[in-house]
Amino acid sequence: MPASLLEIVDRGDGEIVVQRADDESEPLLTIQFSDEARAYMMDNGLEVARVMIQAGIQAAAAISESGNDELETAQDSTRILH
């Protein structure tokens, strides 16, 4: 896949998307906050989404660097996130 510039766009309705800057096609990633979550975050939803995206990229890079052996082990165990 060729590298392209990505942008984070706040659509104003609680939905934040990551999309290619030069392409109007379907977003690559969508984060949607409920009304309750938006009220809790006040006007910081875009910043929270940016941090979530950054953490996801870092996690994907770590998984990629660790190889498939760890990935297979992680898929075999049950994971609960609280």
PDB file of N, CA and C in Angstrom:
ATOM      1  N   MET A   1       0.850  -1.170   0.000  1.00  0.00           N
ATOM      2  CA  MET A   1       0.000   0.000   0.000  1.00  0.00           C
ATOM      3  C   MET A   1       0.896   1.234   0.000  1.00  0.00           C
ATOM      4  N   PRO A   2       0.686   2.153  -0.902  1.00  0.00           N
ATOM      5  CA  PRO A   2       1.508   3.361  -0.926  1.00  0.00           C
ATOM      6  C   PRO A   2       1.224   4.240   0.287  1.00  0.00           C
ATOM      7  N   ALA A   3       2.261   4.907   0.760  1.00  0.00           N
ATOM      8  CA  ALA A   3       2.094   5.787   1.906  1.00  0.00           C
ATOM      9  C   ALA A   3       1.318   7.025   1.473  1.00  0.00           C
ATOM     10  N   SER A   4       0.440   7.485   2.347  1.00  0.00           N
ATOM     11  CA  SER A   4      -0.295   8.708   2.071  1.00  0.00           C
ATOM     12  C   SER A   4      -0.507   9.456   3.378  1.00  0.00           C
ATOM     13  N   LEU A   5      -0.777  10.717   3.274  1.00  0.00           N
ATOM     14  CA  LEU A   5      -1.006  11.557   4.434  1.00  0.00           C
ATOM     15  C   LEU A   5      -2.385  11.256   4.992  1.00  0.00           C
ATOM     16  N   LEU A   6      -2.447  11.050   6.314  1.00  0.00           N
ATOM     17  CA  LEU A   6      -3.720  10.774   6.974  1.00  0.00           C
ATOM     18  C   LEU A   6      -4.130  11.981   7.793  1.00  0.00           C
ATOM     19  N   GLU A   7      -5.440  12.149   7.958  1.00  0.00           N
ATOM     20  CA  GLU A   7      -5.942  13.234   8.785  1.00  0.00           C
ATOM     21  C   GLU A   7      -7.013  12.705   9.729  1.00  0.00           C
ATOM     22  N   ILE A   8      -7.084  13.338  10.891  1.00  0.00           N
ATOM     23  CA  ILE A   8      -8.121  13.033  11.875  1.00  0.00           C
ATOM     24  C   ILE A   8      -9.165  14.124  11.758  1.00  0.00           C
ATOM     25  N   VAL A   9     -10.418  13.726  11.518  1.00  0.00           N
ATOM     26  CA  VAL A   9     -11.487  14.685  11.269  1.00  0.00           C
ATOM     27  C   VAL A   9     -12.601  14.482  12.290  1.00  0.00           C
ATOM     28  N   ASP A  10     -12.976  15.552  12.974  1.00  0.00           N
ATOM     29  CA  ASP A  10     -14.110  15.546  13.896  1.00  0.00           C
ATOM     30  C   ASP A  10     -15.344  15.921  13.091  1.00  0.00           C
ATOM     31  N   ARG A  11     -16.266  15.003  12.970  1.00  0.00           N
ATOM     32  CA  ARG A  11     -17.460  15.256  12.162  1.00  0.00           C
ATOM     33  C   ARG A  11     -18.525  16.041  12.930  1.00  0.00           C
ATOM     34  N   GLY A  12     -18.271  16.310  14.222  1.00  0.00           N
ATOM     35  CA  GLY A  12     -19.163  17.167  14.990  1.00  0.00           C
ATOM     36  C   GLY A  12     -20.355  16.491  15.631  1.00  0.00           C
ATOM     37  N   ASP A  13     -20.554  15.227  15.364  1.00  0.00           N
ATOM     38  CA  ASP A  13     -21.708  14.520  15.922  1.00  0.00           C
ATOM     39  C   ASP A  13     -21.274  13.396  16.864  1.00  0.00           C
ATOM     40  N   GLY A  14     -20.082  13.533  17.421  1.00  0.00           N
ATOM     41  CA  GLY A  14     -19.538  12.494  18.287  1.00  0.00           C
ATOM     42  C   GLY A  14     -18.706  11.484  17.526  1.00  0.00           C
ATOM     43  N   GLU A  15     -18.626  11.641  16.222  1.00  0.00           N
ATOM     44  CA  GLU A  15     -17.865  10.710  15.391  1.00  0.00           C
ATOM     45  C   GLU A  15     -16.577  11.382  14.918  1.00  0.00           C
ATOM     46  N   ILE A  16     -15.479  10.678  15.113  1.00  0.00           N
ATOM     47  CA  ILE A  16     -14.172  11.145  14.674  1.00  0.00           C
ATOM     48  C   ILE A  16     -13.611  10.070  13.760  1.00  0.00           C
ATOM     49  N   VAL A  17     -13.091  10.474  12.608  1.00  0.00           N
ATOM     50  CA  VAL A  17     -12.603   9.509  11.630  1.00  0.00           C
ATOM     51  C   VAL A  17     -11.153   9.791  11.273  1.00  0.00           C
ATOM     52  N   VAL A  18     -10.470   8.733  10.855  1.00  0.00           N
ATOM     53  CA  VAL A  18      -9.148   8.851  10.254  1.00  0.00           C
ATOM     54  C   VAL A  18      -9.345   8.515   8.781  1.00  0.00           C
ATOM     55  N   GLN A  19      -8.881   9.414   7.932  1.00  0.00           N
ATOM     56  CA  GLN A  19      -9.048   9.202   6.496  1.00  0.00           C
ATOM     57  C   GLN A  19      -7.815   9.691   5.767  1.00  0.00           C
ATOM     58  N   ARG A  20      -7.675   9.257   4.528  1.00  0.00           N
ATOM     59  CA  ARG A  20      -6.589   9.756   3.693  1.00  0.00           C
ATOM     60  C   ARG A  20      -6.895  11.208   3.344  1.00  0.00           C
ATOM     61  N   ALA A  21      -5.900  12.067   3.451  1.00  0.00           N
ATOM     62  CA  ALA A  21      -6.101  13.496   3.201  1.00  0.00           C
ATOM     63  C   ALA A  21      -6.454  13.776   1.748  1.00  0.00           C
ATOM     64  N   ASP A  22      -5.989  12.933   0.838  1.00  0.00           N
ATOM     65  CA  ASP A  22      -6.194  13.172  -0.587  1.00  0.00           C
ATOM     66  C   ASP A  22      -7.323  12.346  -1.187  1.00  0.00           C
ATOM     67  N   ASP A  23      -8.158  11.751  -0.321  1.00  0.00           N
ATOM     68  CA  ASP A  23      -9.173  10.827  -0.815  1.00  0.00           C
ATOM     69  C   ASP A  23     -10.445  11.000  -0.003  1.00  0.00           C
ATOM     70  N   GLU A  24     -11.572  11.080  -0.653  1.00  0.00           N
ATOM     71  CA  GLU A  24     -12.862  11.241   0.020  1.00  0.00           C
ATOM     72  C   GLU A  24     -13.573   9.900   0.223  1.00  0.00           C
ATOM     73  N   SER A  25     -12.865   8.796   0.076  1.00  0.00           N
ATOM     74  CA  SER A  25     -13.500   7.487   0.208  1.00  0.00           C
ATOM     75  C   SER A  25     -13.799   7.176   1.677  1.00  0.00           C
ATOM     76  N   GLU A  26     -14.248   5.979   1.908  1.00  0.00           N
ATOM     77  CA  GLU A  26     -14.626   5.530   3.247  1.00  0.00           C
ATOM     78  C   GLU A  26     -13.472   5.714   4.242  1.00  0.00           C
ATOM     79  N   PRO A  27     -13.789   6.167   5.465  1.00  0.00           N
ATOM     80  CA  PRO A  27     -12.732   6.347   6.473  1.00  0.00           C
ATOM     81  C   PRO A  27     -12.015   5.037   6.788  1.00  0.00           C
ATOM     82  N   LEU A  28     -10.749   5.156   7.167  1.00  0.00           N
ATOM     83  CA  LEU A  28      -9.966   3.987   7.553  1.00  0.00           C
ATOM     84  C   LEU A  28     -10.307   3.546   8.971  1.00  0.00           C
ATOM     85  N   LEU A  29     -10.727   4.503   9.804  1.00  0.00           N
ATOM     86  CA  LEU A  29     -11.027   4.234  11.203  1.00  0.00           C
ATOM     87  C   LEU A  29     -12.106   5.201  11.651  1.00  0.00           C
ATOM     88  N   THR A  30     -13.052   4.701  12.450  1.00  0.00           N
ATOM     89  CA  THR A  30     -14.102   5.545  13.003  1.00  0.00           C
ATOM     90  C   THR A  30     -14.162   5.337  14.505  1.00  0.00           C
ATOM     91  N   ILE A  31     -14.164   6.441  15.243  1.00  0.00           N
ATOM     92  CA  ILE A  31     -14.358   6.416  16.690  1.00  0.00           C
ATOM     93  C   ILE A  31     -15.624   7.197  16.956  1.00  0.00           C
ATOM     94  N   GLN A  32     -16.554   6.589  17.693  1.00  0.00           N
ATOM     95  CA  GLN A  32     -17.814   7.264  17.957  1.00  0.00           C
ATOM     96  C   GLN A  32     -18.053   7.319  19.457  1.00  0.00           C
ATOM     97  N   PHE A  33     -18.228   8.524  19.976  1.00  0.00           N
ATOM     98  CA  PHE A  33     -18.497   8.732  21.394  1.00  0.00           C
ATOM     99  C   PHE A  33     -19.987   8.969  21.604  1.00  0.00           C
ATOM    100  N   SER A  34     -20.522   8.384  22.662  1.00  0.00           N
ATOM    101  CA  SER A  34     -21.919   8.620  23.009  1.00  0.00           C
ATOM    102  C   SER A  34     -22.080  10.037  23.542  1.00  0.00           C
ATOM    103  N   ASP A  35     -23.316  10.503  23.657  1.00  0.00           N
ATOM    104  CA  ASP A  35     -23.575  11.828  24.217  1.00  0.00           C
ATOM    105  C   ASP A  35     -23.037  11.927  25.637  1.00  0.00           C
ATOM    106  N   GLU A  36     -23.209  10.853  26.404  1.00  0.00           N
ATOM    107  CA  GLU A  36     -22.723  10.834  27.785  1.00  0.00           C
ATOM    108  C   GLU A  36     -21.198  10.961  27.830  1.00  0.00           C
ATOM    109  N   ALA A  37     -20.509  10.232  26.957  1.00  0.00           N
ATOM    110  CA  ALA A  37     -19.051  10.301  26.914  1.00  0.00           C
ATOM    111  C   ALA A  37     -18.586  11.689  26.487  1.00  0.00           C
ATOM    112  N   ARG A  38     -19.261  12.279  25.503  1.00  0.00           N
ATOM    113  CA  ARG A  38     -18.887  13.632  25.054  1.00  0.00           C
ATOM    114  C   ARG A  38     -19.077  14.652  26.166  1.00  0.00           C
ATOM    115  N   ALA A  39     -20.151  14.511  26.940  1.00  0.00           N
ATOM    116  CA  ALA A  39     -20.376  15.427  28.064  1.00  0.00           C
ATOM    117  C   ALA A  39     -19.281  15.262  29.110  1.00  0.00           C
ATOM    118  N   TYR A  40     -18.874  14.041  29.361  1.00  0.00           N
ATOM    119  CA  TYR A  40     -17.818  13.770  30.337  1.00  0.00           C
ATOM    120  C   TYR A  40     -16.484  14.350  29.881  1.00  0.00           C
ATOM    121  N   MET A  41     -16.196  14.253  28.593  1.00  0.00           N
ATOM    122  CA  MET A  41     -14.919  14.736  28.057  1.00  0.00           C
ATOM    123  C   MET A  41     -14.931  16.232  27.771  1.00  0.00           C
ATOM    124  N   MET A  42     -16.099  16.852  27.873  1.00  0.00           N
ATOM    125  CA  MET A  42     -16.288  18.262  27.525  1.00  0.00           C
ATOM    126  C   MET A  42     -15.844  18.480  26.083  1.00  0.00           C
ATOM    127  N   ASP A  43     -14.937  19.372  25.834  1.00  0.00           N
ATOM    128  CA  ASP A  43     -14.515  19.651  24.456  1.00  0.00           C
ATOM    129  C   ASP A  43     -13.214  18.948  24.092  1.00  0.00           C
ATOM    130  N   ASN A  44     -12.907  17.840  24.754  1.00  0.00           N
ATOM    131  CA  ASN A  44     -11.626  17.167  24.543  1.00  0.00           C
ATOM    132  C   ASN A  44     -11.746  15.861  23.763  1.00  0.00           C
ATOM    133  N   GLY A  45     -12.845  15.638  23.087  1.00  0.00           N
ATOM    134  CA  GLY A  45     -13.050  14.394  22.344  1.00  0.00           C
ATOM    135  C   GLY A  45     -12.010  14.156  21.265  1.00  0.00           C
ATOM    136  N   LEU A  46     -11.638  15.191  20.554  1.00  0.00           N
ATOM    137  CA  LEU A  46     -10.643  15.042  19.494  1.00  0.00           C
ATOM    138  C   LEU A  46      -9.291  14.656  20.080  1.00  0.00           C
ATOM    139  N   GLU A  47      -8.916  15.256  21.190  1.00  0.00           N
ATOM    140  CA  GLU A  47      -7.647  14.922  21.844  1.00  0.00           C
ATOM    141  C   GLU A  47      -7.666  13.485  22.362  1.00  0.00           C
ATOM    142  N   VAL A  48      -8.790  13.055  22.952  1.00  0.00           N
ATOM    143  CA  VAL A  48      -8.909  11.671  23.430  1.00  0.00           C
ATOM    144  C   VAL A  48      -8.795  10.703  22.260  1.00  0.00           C
ATOM    145  N   ALA A  49      -9.462  11.005  21.164  1.00  0.00           N
ATOM    146  CA  ALA A  49      -9.389  10.145  19.975  1.00  0.00           C
ATOM    147  C   ALA A  49      -7.960  10.078  19.442  1.00  0.00           C
ATOM    148  N   ARG A  50      -7.265  11.211  19.417  1.00  0.00           N
ATOM    149  CA  ARG A  50      -5.875  11.242  18.933  1.00  0.00           C
ATOM    150  C   ARG A  50      -4.996  10.323  19.782  1.00  0.00           C
ATOM    151  N   VAL A  51      -5.168  10.370  21.096  1.00  0.00           N
ATOM    152  CA  VAL A  51      -4.380   9.522  21.991  1.00  0.00           C
ATOM    153  C   VAL A  51      -4.747   8.048  21.786  1.00  0.00           C
ATOM    154  N   MET A  52      -6.027   7.768  21.578  1.00  0.00           N
ATOM    155  CA  MET A  52      -6.460   6.390  21.314  1.00  0.00           C
ATOM    156  C   MET A  52      -5.824   5.859  20.034  1.00  0.00           C
ATOM    157  N   ILE A  53      -5.798   6.680  19.007  1.00  0.00           N
ATOM    158  CA  ILE A  53      -5.213   6.280  17.724  1.00  0.00           C
ATOM    159  C   ILE A  53      -3.716   6.039  17.880  1.00  0.00           C
ATOM    160  N   GLN A  54      -3.044   6.935  18.585  1.00  0.00           N
ATOM    161  CA  GLN A  54      -1.605   6.789  18.813  1.00  0.00           C
ATOM    162  C   GLN A  54      -1.311   5.497  19.572  1.00  0.00           C
ATOM    163  N   ALA A  55      -2.102   5.190  20.598  1.00  0.00           N
ATOM    164  CA  ALA A  55      -1.895   3.960  21.363  1.00  0.00           C
ATOM    165  C   ALA A  55      -2.117   2.728  20.485  1.00  0.00           C
ATOM    166  N   GLY A  56      -3.102   2.788  19.611  1.00  0.00           N
ATOM    167  CA  GLY A  56      -3.363   1.676  18.708  1.00  0.00           C
ATOM    168  C   GLY A  56      -2.226   1.446  17.731  1.00  0.00           C
ATOM    169  N   ILE A  57      -1.660   2.520  17.213  1.00  0.00           N
ATOM    170  CA  ILE A  57      -0.525   2.400  16.290  1.00  0.00           C
ATOM    171  C   ILE A  57       0.677   1.810  17.015  1.00  0.00           C
ATOM    172  N   GLN A  58       0.931   2.273  18.243  1.00  0.00           N
ATOM    173  CA  GLN A  58       2.049   1.737  19.015  1.00  0.00           C
ATOM    174  C   GLN A  58       1.852   0.258  19.331  1.00  0.00           C
ATOM    175  N   ALA A  59       0.626  -0.134  19.674  1.00  0.00           N
ATOM    176  CA  ALA A  59       0.347  -1.539  19.957  1.00  0.00           C
ATOM    177  C   ALA A  59       0.534  -2.396  18.706  1.00  0.00           C
ATOM    178  N   ALA A  60       0.071  -1.906  17.562  1.00  0.00           N
ATOM    179  CA  ALA A  60       0.236  -2.652  16.311  1.00  0.00           C
ATOM    180  C   ALA A  60       1.708  -2.811  15.965  1.00  0.00           C
ATOM    181  N   ALA A  61       2.495  -1.761  16.187  1.00  0.00           N
ATOM    182  CA  ALA A  61       3.932  -1.840  15.916  1.00  0.00           C
ATOM    183  C   ALA A  61       4.607  -2.842  16.841  1.00  0.00           C
ATOM    184  N   ALA A  62       4.231  -2.855  18.110  1.00  0.00           N
ATOM    185  CA  ALA A  62       4.818  -3.796  19.069  1.00  0.00           C
ATOM    186  C   ALA A  62       4.469  -5.228  18.701  1.00  0.00           C
ATOM    187  N   ILE A  63       3.240  -5.464  18.291  1.00  0.00           N
ATOM    188  CA  ILE A  63       2.826  -6.809  17.889  1.00  0.00           C
ATOM    189  C   ILE A  63       3.607  -7.231  16.648  1.00  0.00           C
ATOM    190  N   SER A  64       3.753  -6.313  15.703  1.00  0.00           N
ATOM    191  CA  SER A  64       4.484  -6.607  14.478  1.00  0.00           C
ATOM    192  C   SER A  64       5.946  -6.932  14.770  1.00  0.00           C
ATOM    193  N   GLU A  65       6.563  -6.187  15.682  1.00  0.00           N
ATOM    194  CA  GLU A  65       7.966  -6.413  16.026  1.00  0.00           C
ATOM    195  C   GLU A  65       8.173  -7.709  16.794  1.00  0.00           C
ATOM    196  N   SER A  66       7.190  -8.120  17.585  1.00  0.00           N
ATOM    197  CA  SER A  66       7.350  -9.313  18.409  1.00  0.00           C
ATOM    198  C   SER A  66       7.187 -10.599  17.611  1.00  0.00           C
ATOM    199  N   GLY A  67       6.616 -10.501  16.431  1.00  0.00           N
ATOM    200  CA  GLY A  67       6.470 -11.676  15.576  1.00  0.00           C
ATOM    201  C   GLY A  67       5.152 -12.390  15.797  1.00  0.00           C
ATOM    202  N   ASN A  68       4.917 -13.401  15.006  1.00  0.00           N
ATOM    203  CA  ASN A  68       3.656 -14.127  15.034  1.00  0.00           C
ATOM    204  C   ASN A  68       3.530 -15.065  16.217  1.00  0.00           C
ATOM    205  N   ASP A  69       4.636 -15.516  16.824  1.00  0.00           N
ATOM    206  CA  ASP A  69       4.554 -16.452  17.942  1.00  0.00           C
ATOM    207  C   ASP A  69       3.778 -15.867  19.103  1.00  0.00           C
ATOM    208  N   GLU A  70       4.092 -14.618  19.471  1.00  0.00           N
ATOM    209  CA  GLU A  70       3.376 -13.975  20.565  1.00  0.00           C
ATOM    210  C   GLU A  70       1.942 -13.695  20.185  1.00  0.00           C
ATOM    211  N   LEU A  71       1.690 -13.334  18.939  1.00  0.00           N
ATOM    212  CA  LEU A  71       0.342 -13.064  18.481  1.00  0.00           C
ATOM    213  C   LEU A  71      -0.522 -14.309  18.603  1.00  0.00           C
ATOM    214  N   GLU A  72       0.003 -15.466  18.202  1.00  0.00           N
ATOM    215  CA  GLU A  72      -0.746 -16.711  18.311  1.00  0.00           C
ATOM    216  C   GLU A  72      -1.021 -17.046  19.765  1.00  0.00           C
ATOM    217  N   THR A  73      -0.062 -16.827  20.662  1.00  0.00           N
ATOM    218  CA  THR A  73      -0.261 -17.077  22.086  1.00  0.00           C
ATOM    219  C   THR A  73      -1.336 -16.159  22.633  1.00  0.00           C
ATOM    220  N   ALA A  74      -1.321 -14.911  22.249  1.00  0.00           N
ATOM    221  CA  ALA A  74      -2.317 -13.944  22.737  1.00  0.00           C
ATOM    222  C   ALA A  74      -3.715 -14.302  22.244  1.00  0.00           C
ATOM    223  N   GLN A  75      -3.825 -14.828  21.036  1.00  0.00           N
ATOM    224  CA  GLN A  75      -5.127 -15.206  20.498  1.00  0.00           C
ATOM    225  C   GLN A  75      -5.685 -16.438  21.197  1.00  0.00           C
ATOM    226  N   ASP A  76      -4.822 -17.301  21.732  1.00  0.00           N
ATOM    227  CA  ASP A  76      -5.278 -18.500  22.406  1.00  0.00           C
ATOM    228  C   ASP A  76      -5.830 -18.220  23.794  1.00  0.00           C
ATOM    229  N   SER A  77      -5.399 -17.151  24.443  1.00  0.00           N
ATOM    230  CA  SER A  77      -5.849 -16.852  25.795  1.00  0.00           C
ATOM    231  C   SER A  77      -7.029 -15.889  25.746  1.00  0.00           C
ATOM    232  N   THR A  78      -7.877 -15.979  26.769  1.00  0.00           N
ATOM    233  CA  THR A  78      -9.012 -15.087  26.878  1.00  0.00           C
ATOM    234  C   THR A  78      -8.553 -13.772  27.487  1.00  0.00           C
ATOM    235  N   ARG A  79      -8.970 -12.658  26.887  1.00  0.00           N
ATOM    236  CA  ARG A  79      -8.575 -11.346  27.381  1.00  0.00           C
ATOM    237  C   ARG A  79      -9.810 -10.569  27.788  1.00  0.00           C
ATOM    238  N   ILE A  80      -9.746  -9.958  28.957  1.00  0.00           N
ATOM    239  CA  ILE A  80     -10.824  -9.101  29.438  1.00  0.00           C
ATOM    240  C   ILE A  80     -10.213  -7.745  29.750  1.00  0.00           C
ATOM    241  N   LEU A  81     -10.790  -6.695  29.183  1.00  0.00           N
ATOM    242  CA  LEU A  81     -10.317  -5.342  29.395  1.00  0.00           C
ATOM    243  C   LEU A  81     -11.338  -4.604  30.235  1.00  0.00           C
ATOM    244  N   HIS A  82     -10.877  -4.020  31.309  1.00  0.00           N
ATOM    245  CA  HIS A  82     -11.768  -3.234  32.184  1.00  0.00           C
ATOM    246  C   HIS A  82     -11.333  -1.816  32.224  1.00  0.00           C
TER     247      HIS A  82
END
